[in-house]
Amino acid sequence: MDRRNTAYFIKYPRVLGELMVLHDIANEVPYEIVKDIRLQPIDYENFYTDMTVERQFIEDGADLCENGEIKKCLFVHGRSANEGILVLPDPSEKAYVGWAAYIKN
């Protein structure tokens, strides 16, 4: 399996720090980015410091996402597309983060 396209997902994270945990790479799962969402720096900071609130940009991309064998995710980031947060919307509340993973290339 190509490790470059895998990530470690956390269910219902609250802040970015919860995504940046040591983990066994065997627990990483494959993902595919289905929509790139670039936020202004202040909006990205607001997002990663409180991922528990409703976000219109998540709801707008929710229908593209799929929590299957390969996670089809939104990629939310600030200025740099080299790092950001993969988001799978909550299946019942599509404007909220259900699962998320931090990636840095």
Protein backbone atom coordinates (compact mmCIF):
# COMPACT_ATOMS: atom_id res chain seq x y z
CA MET A 1 0.00 0.00 0.00
CA ASP A 2 1.25 3.49 -0.85
CA ARG A 3 1.83 5.21 2.53
CA ARG A 4 1.79 8.67 0.92
CA ASN A 5 -1.99 8.48 0.52
CA THR A 6 -2.87 7.22 3.97
CA ALA A 7 -3.77 9.07 7.14
CA TYR A 8 -4.80 8.43 10.72
CA PHE A 9 -8.39 9.59 11.29
CA ILE A 10 -9.87 10.68 14.63
CA LYS A 11 -13.62 10.62 15.30
CA TYR A 12 -15.18 13.93 16.38
CA PRO A 13 -11.99 15.89 17.05
CA ARG A 14 -12.28 19.22 18.82
CA VAL A 15 -8.94 20.89 18.03
CA LEU A 16 -5.96 20.38 15.75
CA GLY A 17 -3.80 19.00 18.56
CA GLU A 18 -6.04 15.95 18.86
CA LEU A 19 -5.14 15.04 15.27
CA MET A 20 -1.40 15.31 15.84
CA VAL A 21 -0.90 12.20 17.96
CA LEU A 22 1.62 9.41 17.78
CA HIS A 23 0.08 6.35 16.21
CA ASP A 24 0.95 3.05 14.59
CA ILE A 25 1.13 3.56 10.82
CA ALA A 26 -0.68 0.24 10.46
CA ASN A 27 -3.77 2.14 11.68
CA GLU A 28 -3.63 4.61 8.81
CA VAL A 29 -6.24 4.23 6.08
CA PRO A 30 -6.21 5.24 2.41
CA TYR A 31 -7.87 8.49 1.41
CA GLU A 32 -8.74 10.48 -1.68
CA ILE A 33 -9.26 14.24 -1.73
CA VAL A 34 -12.54 15.05 -3.49
CA LYS A 35 -12.59 18.80 -2.83
CA ASP A 36 -9.89 21.32 -1.94
CA ILE A 37 -11.05 24.05 0.45
CA ARG A 38 -8.62 26.93 0.94
CA LEU A 39 -9.54 29.26 3.78
CA GLN A 40 -8.20 32.67 4.69
CA PRO A 41 -5.65 32.38 7.53
CA ILE A 42 -8.03 33.67 10.22
CA ASP A 43 -10.83 31.34 9.03
CA TYR A 44 -8.48 28.33 8.98
CA GLU A 45 -7.26 29.14 12.50
CA ASN A 46 -10.86 29.49 13.64
CA PHE A 47 -11.65 26.09 12.10
CA TYR A 48 -8.75 24.14 13.61
CA THR A 49 -9.17 25.68 17.06
CA ASP A 50 -12.84 24.60 17.20
CA MET A 51 -13.90 21.78 14.90
CA THR A 52 -17.11 21.16 16.85
CA VAL A 53 -19.21 23.89 15.24
CA GLU A 54 -21.29 23.91 12.09
CA ARG A 55 -19.39 24.97 8.94
CA GLN A 56 -21.06 25.82 5.65
CA PHE A 57 -18.02 24.78 3.61
CA ILE A 58 -18.26 21.27 5.08
CA GLU A 59 -21.96 21.00 4.27
CA ASP A 60 -21.32 22.28 0.73
CA GLY A 61 -18.88 19.40 0.05
CA ALA A 62 -20.55 16.69 2.12
CA ASP A 63 -22.26 14.95 -0.80
CA LEU A 64 -18.88 14.33 -2.44
CA CYS A 65 -17.51 12.49 0.60
CA GLU A 66 -17.66 8.80 1.41
CA ASN A 67 -16.51 6.88 4.48
CA GLY A 68 -15.71 3.65 2.63
CA GLU A 69 -12.60 1.54 2.19
CA ILE A 70 -10.95 4.60 0.67
CA LYS A 71 -12.02 7.71 2.58
CA LYS A 72 -13.21 10.38 0.15
CA CYS A 73 -12.47 13.60 2.00
CA LEU A 74 -12.51 17.35 1.91
CA PHE A 75 -9.04 18.89 2.25
CA VAL A 76 -9.25 22.03 4.38
CA HIS A 77 -6.17 24.23 4.60
CA GLY A 78 -4.88 27.77 4.85
CA ARG A 79 -2.31 29.37 2.59
CA SER A 80 -0.16 26.27 2.25
CA ALA A 81 -1.58 23.27 0.42
CA ASN A 82 1.33 21.24 1.87
CA GLU A 83 -0.50 20.72 5.14
CA GLY A 84 -4.06 20.72 6.32
CA ILE A 85 -6.96 18.70 7.60
CA LEU A 86 -8.81 15.91 5.85
CA VAL A 87 -12.48 16.03 6.78
CA LEU A 88 -15.26 13.48 6.54
CA PRO A 89 -18.55 15.17 7.45
CA ASP A 90 -20.79 13.65 10.08
CA PRO A 91 -23.27 11.43 8.21
CA SER A 92 -26.34 12.78 10.03
CA GLU A 93 -25.23 16.40 10.50
CA LYS A 94 -23.41 17.19 7.26
CA ALA A 95 -22.13 20.61 8.35
CA TYR A 96 -20.04 19.09 11.16
CA VAL A 97 -16.74 17.21 11.26
CA GLY A 98 -17.33 13.49 11.79
CA TRP A 99 -13.80 12.21 11.19
CA ALA A 100 -10.61 14.17 10.54
CA ALA A 101 -6.91 13.63 9.95
CA TYR A 102 -3.95 16.01 9.82
CA ILE A 103 -1.64 15.65 6.85
CA LYS A 104 1.65 17.34 6.04
CA ASN A 105 3.59 16.74 2.86
